[in-house]
Amino acid sequence: MPESPVSQHARAMTDEGGMPEQQQRPPGLTAAMDPVPDHGESSWQGRGRLEGLKALITGGDSGIGRAVAIAFAREGADVAINHLPEEQEDAQDVVGWIEKAGRTAVLVPGDLREEQVCQEVVDRAVEGLGGLNVVVNNAGYHWARGEPGLEGLRTEDLERAVRTNLYGTLWVSRAALPHLGRGDSIINTTSVQAYDPSVTMIDYAATKAALNNVTANLAAELGPRGIRVNAVAPGPVWTPLQPATKEPEAVAAMGRDTPLGRIAQPAELAGAYVFLASPEEAGYVSGSVLGVTGGTPVF
């Protein structure tokens, strides 16, 4: 399938090693980005690897979550998308791509910083999909503006990062557990920051390191029940979170210090999640963290 002009433009900018300076108000929207990211809209071709599965993706309206939702649908899965209420525009766009693939799409908005919301999100996803096989804990938050390091750490940002990235992952996973069975899986989104932390992202990096431990712990706990738990550790990826939470000059420099010398497009992450979700391809893979970092080690 040929790439659309949007995909070609996004990848051309990526290959140059940086992005134009820009900034948005949090949480950020896809359409306002320059260039608009490539989520695989015109390039991902499914092969039925997730046929009949039912997946919940948190943070599924944009960025990595959006790319994973499109790929999952084209691989045969029905998909429920969690998103913040203010991200409705992006979420509706993803629904269109899922339905174009002939699959069921369910929107379950809610802020995962609240325990009860996490339970309600899972309940509505199960009701709308008629079950649940795969949980992708992808929703995340960081703030990298202002003074870097410990002295610049704002308590409100620390609390939001911990509650979204760590608490939300645990609460969603716990709520989903009664609906998961043998062959099903949980996939967490960690980060290269867990291995190579930036001083501007002390709280975010700490939560992602914690998620590596959560992944190993849950894999050990749930393995006897036949439930696999893995994680993907992305490097820098072109998502709305970047211009919404970083200074413009930091956005422009993203990815240039990786061995591959560039930032990733979200579509380049989707294959890792498809692999880990597939009972056939990854049936003996659990407790693993798959790095998609542009060459930065994750060990």
Protein backbone atom coordinates (compact mmCIF):
# COMPACT_ATOMS: atom_id res chain seq x y z
CA MET A 1 0.00 0.00 0.00
CA PRO A 2 1.60 3.34 -1.02
CA GLU A 3 2.27 5.92 1.65
CA SER A 4 0.08 8.99 1.83
CA PRO A 5 1.60 12.47 1.44
CA VAL A 6 1.24 12.90 5.22
CA SER A 7 3.24 9.73 5.87
CA GLN A 8 5.91 10.71 3.36
CA HIS A 9 6.26 14.18 4.93
CA ALA A 10 6.43 12.81 8.47
CA ARG A 11 9.07 10.25 7.59
CA ALA A 12 11.11 12.79 5.61
CA MET A 13 11.20 15.07 8.65
CA THR A 14 12.13 12.10 10.84
CA ASP A 15 15.04 11.12 8.60
CA GLU A 16 16.46 14.63 8.88
CA GLY A 17 16.97 13.95 12.59
CA GLY A 18 14.71 16.54 14.18
CA MET A 19 11.37 18.33 14.17
CA PRO A 20 10.42 22.00 13.87
CA GLU A 21 10.25 23.91 17.14
CA GLN A 22 6.66 23.94 18.37
CA GLN A 23 4.55 23.87 21.51
CA GLN A 24 0.99 22.94 22.47
CA ARG A 25 -1.16 23.08 25.57
CA PRO A 26 -1.37 19.70 27.36
CA PRO A 27 -2.44 17.07 26.54
CA GLY A 28 -1.85 18.04 22.89
CA LEU A 29 -3.67 17.10 19.67
CA THR A 30 -2.43 15.22 16.64
CA ALA A 31 -3.76 17.58 13.96
CA ALA A 32 -1.83 20.53 15.40
CA MET A 33 1.56 18.81 15.02
CA ASP A 34 4.04 19.68 12.26
CA PRO A 35 4.47 17.25 10.66
CA VAL A 36 1.43 15.15 11.56
CA PRO A 37 2.81 11.82 12.85
CA ASP A 38 2.65 8.60 10.85
CA HIS A 39 0.55 6.04 12.75
CA GLY A 40 0.47 3.50 9.91
CA GLU A 41 -2.79 4.83 8.48
CA SER A 42 -1.55 4.24 4.93
CA SER A 43 1.16 1.67 5.52
CA TRP A 44 0.14 -1.02 8.03
CA GLN A 45 -1.07 -4.19 6.34
CA GLY A 46 -2.65 -6.77 8.61
CA ARG A 47 -2.08 -10.52 8.38
CA GLY A 48 -4.76 -11.74 10.79
CA ARG A 49 -2.35 -12.24 13.67
CA LEU A 50 -4.88 -11.03 16.30
CA GLU A 51 -8.05 -12.37 14.70
CA GLY A 52 -10.98 -12.43 17.12
CA LEU A 53 -9.14 -10.87 20.05
CA LYS A 54 -10.56 -8.00 22.10
CA ALA A 55 -8.15 -5.30 23.28
CA LEU A 56 -8.22 -2.30 25.58
CA ILE A 57 -5.60 0.38 24.86
CA THR A 58 -5.15 3.23 27.32
CA GLY A 59 -3.95 6.46 25.78
CA GLY A 60 -5.24 5.08 22.49
CA ASP A 61 -6.28 8.35 20.90
CA SER A 62 -2.84 9.51 19.71
CA GLY A 63 0.82 8.63 19.41
CA ILE A 64 1.87 5.07 20.14
CA GLY A 65 -1.60 4.08 21.35
CA ARG A 66 -3.19 5.29 18.13
CA ALA A 67 -0.68 3.35 16.02
CA VAL A 68 -1.27 0.22 18.09
CA ALA A 69 -5.06 0.59 17.78
CA ILE A 70 -4.86 0.83 13.98
CA ALA A 71 -2.48 -2.12 13.75
CA PHE A 72 -4.53 -4.27 16.15
CA ALA A 73 -7.72 -3.60 14.15
CA ARG A 74 -6.06 -4.49 10.86
CA GLU A 75 -4.74 -7.67 12.47
CA GLY A 76 -8.32 -8.66 13.33
CA ALA A 77 -8.90 -7.36 16.87
CA ASP A 78 -11.81 -5.34 18.22
CA VAL A 79 -10.47 -2.36 20.13
CA ALA A 80 -11.57 -0.19 23.07
CA ILE A 81 -9.74 3.11 23.43
CA ASN A 82 -9.28 4.98 26.68
CA HIS A 83 -8.52 8.69 26.40
CA LEU A 84 -8.90 11.93 28.31
CA PRO A 85 -12.22 13.71 27.66
CA GLU A 86 -10.38 16.67 26.08
CA GLU A 87 -8.85 14.27 23.52
CA GLN A 88 -12.24 13.35 22.03
CA GLU A 89 -11.35 14.75 18.59
CA ASP A 90 -8.32 12.47 18.24
CA ALA A 91 -10.22 9.50 19.69
CA GLN A 92 -13.07 9.84 17.18
CA ASP A 93 -10.54 9.85 14.36
CA VAL A 94 -9.08 6.55 15.59
CA VAL A 95 -12.59 5.06 15.74
CA GLY A 96 -12.90 5.78 12.04
CA TRP A 97 -9.71 3.86 11.25
CA ILE A 98 -10.76 0.88 13.38
CA GLU A 99 -14.16 0.71 11.73
CA LYS A 100 -12.61 1.01 8.27
CA ALA A 101 -10.75 -2.19 9.15
CA GLY A 102 -14.13 -3.85 9.77
CA ARG A 103 -13.68 -4.12 13.52
CA THR A 104 -15.65 -2.90 16.55
CA ALA A 105 -14.43 0.31 18.18
CA VAL A 106 -15.41 1.39 21.70
CA LEU A 107 -14.53 4.71 23.35
CA VAL A 108 -14.00 4.67 27.12
CA PRO A 109 -12.90 8.18 28.16
CA GLY A 110 -11.59 8.80 31.65
CA ASP A 111 -8.65 10.11 33.65
CA LEU A 112 -6.75 7.11 35.00
CA ARG A 113 -5.41 9.04 37.99
CA GLU A 114 -8.57 7.93 39.82
CA GLU A 115 -8.96 4.32 40.95
CA GLN A 116 -12.71 4.18 40.37
CA VAL A 117 -12.30 5.58 36.85
CA CYS A 118 -9.88 2.76 36.03
CA GLN A 119 -12.46 0.20 37.14
CA GLU A 120 -15.19 1.91 35.11
CA VAL A 121 -13.00 2.11 32.00
CA VAL A 122 -12.36 -1.63 32.11
CA ASP A 123 -16.02 -2.43 32.83
CA ARG A 124 -17.21 -0.32 29.87
CA ALA A 125 -14.57 -1.84 27.59
CA VAL A 126 -15.62 -5.38 28.49
CA GLU A 127 -19.28 -4.53 28.01
CA GLY A 128 -18.71 -2.86 24.64
CA LEU A 129 -16.37 -5.53 23.29
CA GLY A 130 -18.08 -8.55 24.82
CA GLY A 131 -14.91 -9.65 26.60
CA LEU A 132 -11.23 -8.86 26.93
CA ASN A 133 -8.02 -10.60 25.85
CA VAL A 134 -5.32 -7.93 25.66
CA VAL A 135 -4.65 -4.90 27.86
CA VAL A 136 -2.17 -2.31 26.61
CA ASN A 137 -1.24 0.06 29.46
CA ASN A 138 0.00 2.92 27.34
CA ALA A 139 -1.36 6.12 28.93
CA GLY A 140 1.47 8.23 30.28
CA TYR A 141 2.40 11.71 31.45
CA HIS A 142 5.58 13.70 31.85
CA TRP A 143 6.49 17.37 32.17
CA ALA A 144 9.85 18.64 30.96
CA ARG A 145 9.48 22.42 30.98
CA GLY A 146 11.06 24.93 33.30
CA GLU A 147 14.05 24.29 35.58
CA PRO A 148 15.42 20.76 35.17
CA GLY A 149 16.24 18.31 37.94
CA LEU A 150 15.08 17.97 41.52
CA GLU A 151 14.85 21.70 42.26
CA GLY A 152 12.56 22.21 39.29
CA LEU A 153 10.28 19.29 40.14
CA ARG A 154 6.74 20.52 40.76
CA THR A 155 4.71 18.46 43.19
CA GLU A 156 1.64 18.54 40.96
CA ASP A 157 3.63 17.08 38.06
CA LEU A 158 5.18 14.41 40.28
CA GLU A 159 1.74 13.37 41.51
CA ARG A 160 0.26 13.32 38.03
CA ALA A 161 3.13 11.25 36.62
CA VAL A 162 3.03 8.69 39.42
CA ARG A 163 -0.76 8.36 39.44
CA THR A 164 -1.07 8.16 35.64
CA ASN A 165 1.95 6.03 34.79
CA LEU A 166 2.19 3.70 37.78
CA TYR A 167 -1.07 3.73 39.73
CA GLY A 168 -3.15 3.76 36.55
CA THR A 169 -1.29 0.76 35.14
CA LEU A 170 -1.79 -1.23 38.33
CA TRP A 171 -5.44 -0.24 38.73
CA VAL A 172 -6.34 -1.03 35.11
CA SER A 173 -4.50 -4.35 35.23
CA ARG A 174 -6.22 -5.33 38.48
CA ALA A 175 -9.65 -4.43 37.10
CA ALA A 176 -8.96 -6.39 33.90
CA LEU A 177 -7.64 -9.52 35.58
CA PRO A 178 -11.01 -11.25 36.21
CA HIS A 179 -11.70 -11.04 32.47
CA LEU A 180 -8.37 -12.46 31.27
CA GLY A 181 -7.66 -16.14 30.77
CA ARG A 182 -5.09 -18.55 29.41
CA GLY A 183 -3.42 -17.15 26.30
CA ASP A 184 -4.33 -13.54 27.09
CA SER A 185 -1.82 -10.81 27.82
CA ILE A 186 -0.96 -7.48 29.43
CA ILE A 187 1.49 -5.17 27.67
CA ASN A 188 2.95 -2.20 29.54
CA THR A 189 4.61 0.82 27.97
CA THR A 190 7.82 1.62 29.81
CA SER A 191 10.60 3.78 28.30
CA VAL A 192 14.27 4.06 27.47
CA GLN A 193 14.16 6.58 30.34
CA ALA A 194 14.05 3.62 32.72
CA TYR A 195 17.59 2.74 31.58
CA ASP A 196 19.06 6.10 30.55
CA PRO A 197 17.17 8.77 32.54
CA SER A 198 17.25 12.46 31.61
CA VAL A 199 17.68 14.99 34.40
CA THR A 200 14.65 16.87 33.05
CA MET A 201 12.40 13.81 33.55
CA ILE A 202 13.32 12.52 37.01
CA ASP A 203 9.75 11.60 38.00
CA TYR A 204 8.78 10.12 34.63
CA ALA A 205 11.94 7.99 34.46
CA ALA A 206 11.32 6.69 37.97
CA THR A 207 7.79 5.58 37.11
CA LYS A 208 8.99 3.81 33.98
CA ALA A 209 11.71 1.96 35.89
CA ALA A 210 9.00 0.91 38.35
CA LEU A 211 6.91 -0.41 35.46
CA ASN A 212 9.78 -2.66 34.40
CA ASN A 213 9.61 -4.21 37.87
CA VAL A 214 5.81 -4.41 37.73
CA THR A 215 6.10 -6.26 34.42
CA ALA A 216 8.50 -8.83 35.84
CA ASN A 217 6.43 -9.22 39.01
CA LEU A 218 3.12 -9.72 37.21
CA ALA A 219 4.67 -12.12 34.72
CA ALA A 220 5.77 -14.31 37.63
CA GLU A 221 2.42 -14.03 39.39
CA LEU A 222 0.17 -14.58 36.38
CA GLY A 223 2.27 -17.10 34.47
CA PRO A 224 0.66 -20.11 36.20
CA ARG A 225 -2.70 -18.82 34.96
CA GLY A 226 -1.43 -18.71 31.37
CA ILE A 227 -1.51 -14.90 31.22
CA ARG A 228 1.57 -13.31 29.67
CA VAL A 229 2.88 -9.92 30.84
CA ASN A 230 5.43 -7.99 28.81
CA ALA A 231 6.47 -4.43 28.08
CA VAL A 232 7.70 -2.23 25.26
CA ALA A 233 10.35 0.40 26.05
CA PRO A 234 10.17 3.13 23.40
CA GLY A 235 12.86 5.68 22.76
CA PRO A 236 11.90 9.19 21.59
CA VAL A 237 8.68 9.03 19.55
CA TRP A 238 6.85 11.81 17.67
CA THR A 239 3.60 12.12 19.66
CA PRO A 240 1.49 15.05 20.93
CA LEU A 241 2.99 14.53 24.38
CA GLN A 242 6.28 15.98 23.12
CA PRO A 243 5.20 19.51 22.05
CA ALA A 244 2.65 19.55 24.89
CA THR A 245 5.20 18.93 27.66
CA LYS A 246 8.62 20.04 26.36
CA GLU A 247 10.25 23.33 25.50
CA PRO A 248 10.30 24.06 21.72
CA GLU A 249 14.08 23.69 21.44
CA ALA A 250 13.92 20.32 23.21
CA VAL A 251 11.29 19.16 20.73
CA ALA A 252 13.55 20.12 17.83
CA ALA A 253 16.46 18.12 19.25
CA MET A 254 14.56 14.93 20.08
CA GLY A 255 16.17 11.74 18.82
CA ARG A 256 19.37 13.32 17.53
CA ASP A 257 21.40 11.73 20.33
CA THR A 258 20.23 8.17 19.55
CA PRO A 259 22.55 5.85 17.58
CA LEU A 260 20.14 6.08 14.63
CA GLY A 261 20.15 9.86 14.97
CA ARG A 262 16.42 10.48 14.74
CA ILE A 263 13.07 10.35 16.50
CA ALA A 264 10.68 7.46 15.74
CA GLN A 265 7.28 7.67 14.11
CA PRO A 266 4.50 5.94 16.13
CA ALA A 267 3.95 3.41 13.34
CA GLU A 268 7.45 2.07 13.99
CA LEU A 269 6.37 0.95 17.48
CA ALA A 270 3.19 -0.90 16.52
CA GLY A 271 4.88 -4.12 15.42
CA ALA A 272 6.34 -4.71 18.88
CA TYR A 273 2.88 -4.61 20.45
CA VAL A 274 1.34 -6.81 17.76
CA PHE A 275 4.06 -9.41 18.33
CA LEU A 276 3.62 -9.42 22.10
CA ALA A 277 -0.19 -9.59 21.82
CA SER A 278 -0.14 -12.56 19.44
CA PRO A 279 -0.71 -15.88 21.27
CA GLU A 280 0.87 -17.74 18.37
CA GLU A 281 3.97 -15.61 17.82
CA ALA A 282 4.70 -14.71 21.46
CA GLY A 283 3.05 -17.58 23.30
CA TYR A 284 6.24 -18.32 25.25
CA VAL A 285 7.25 -14.70 25.79
CA SER A 286 6.53 -13.27 29.24
CA GLY A 287 8.42 -11.02 31.62
CA SER A 288 10.25 -9.38 28.71
CA VAL A 289 10.88 -5.73 27.91
CA LEU A 290 11.25 -5.14 24.18
CA GLY A 291 13.26 -2.03 23.42
CA VAL A 292 12.40 0.10 20.38
CA THR A 293 14.86 2.87 21.07
CA GLY A 294 16.80 3.73 17.93
CA GLY A 295 19.84 1.84 19.23
CA THR A 296 20.05 2.91 22.88
CA PRO A 297 20.55 -0.25 25.00
CA VAL A 298 17.84 -1.46 27.37
CA PHE A 299 19.83 -3.77 29.59
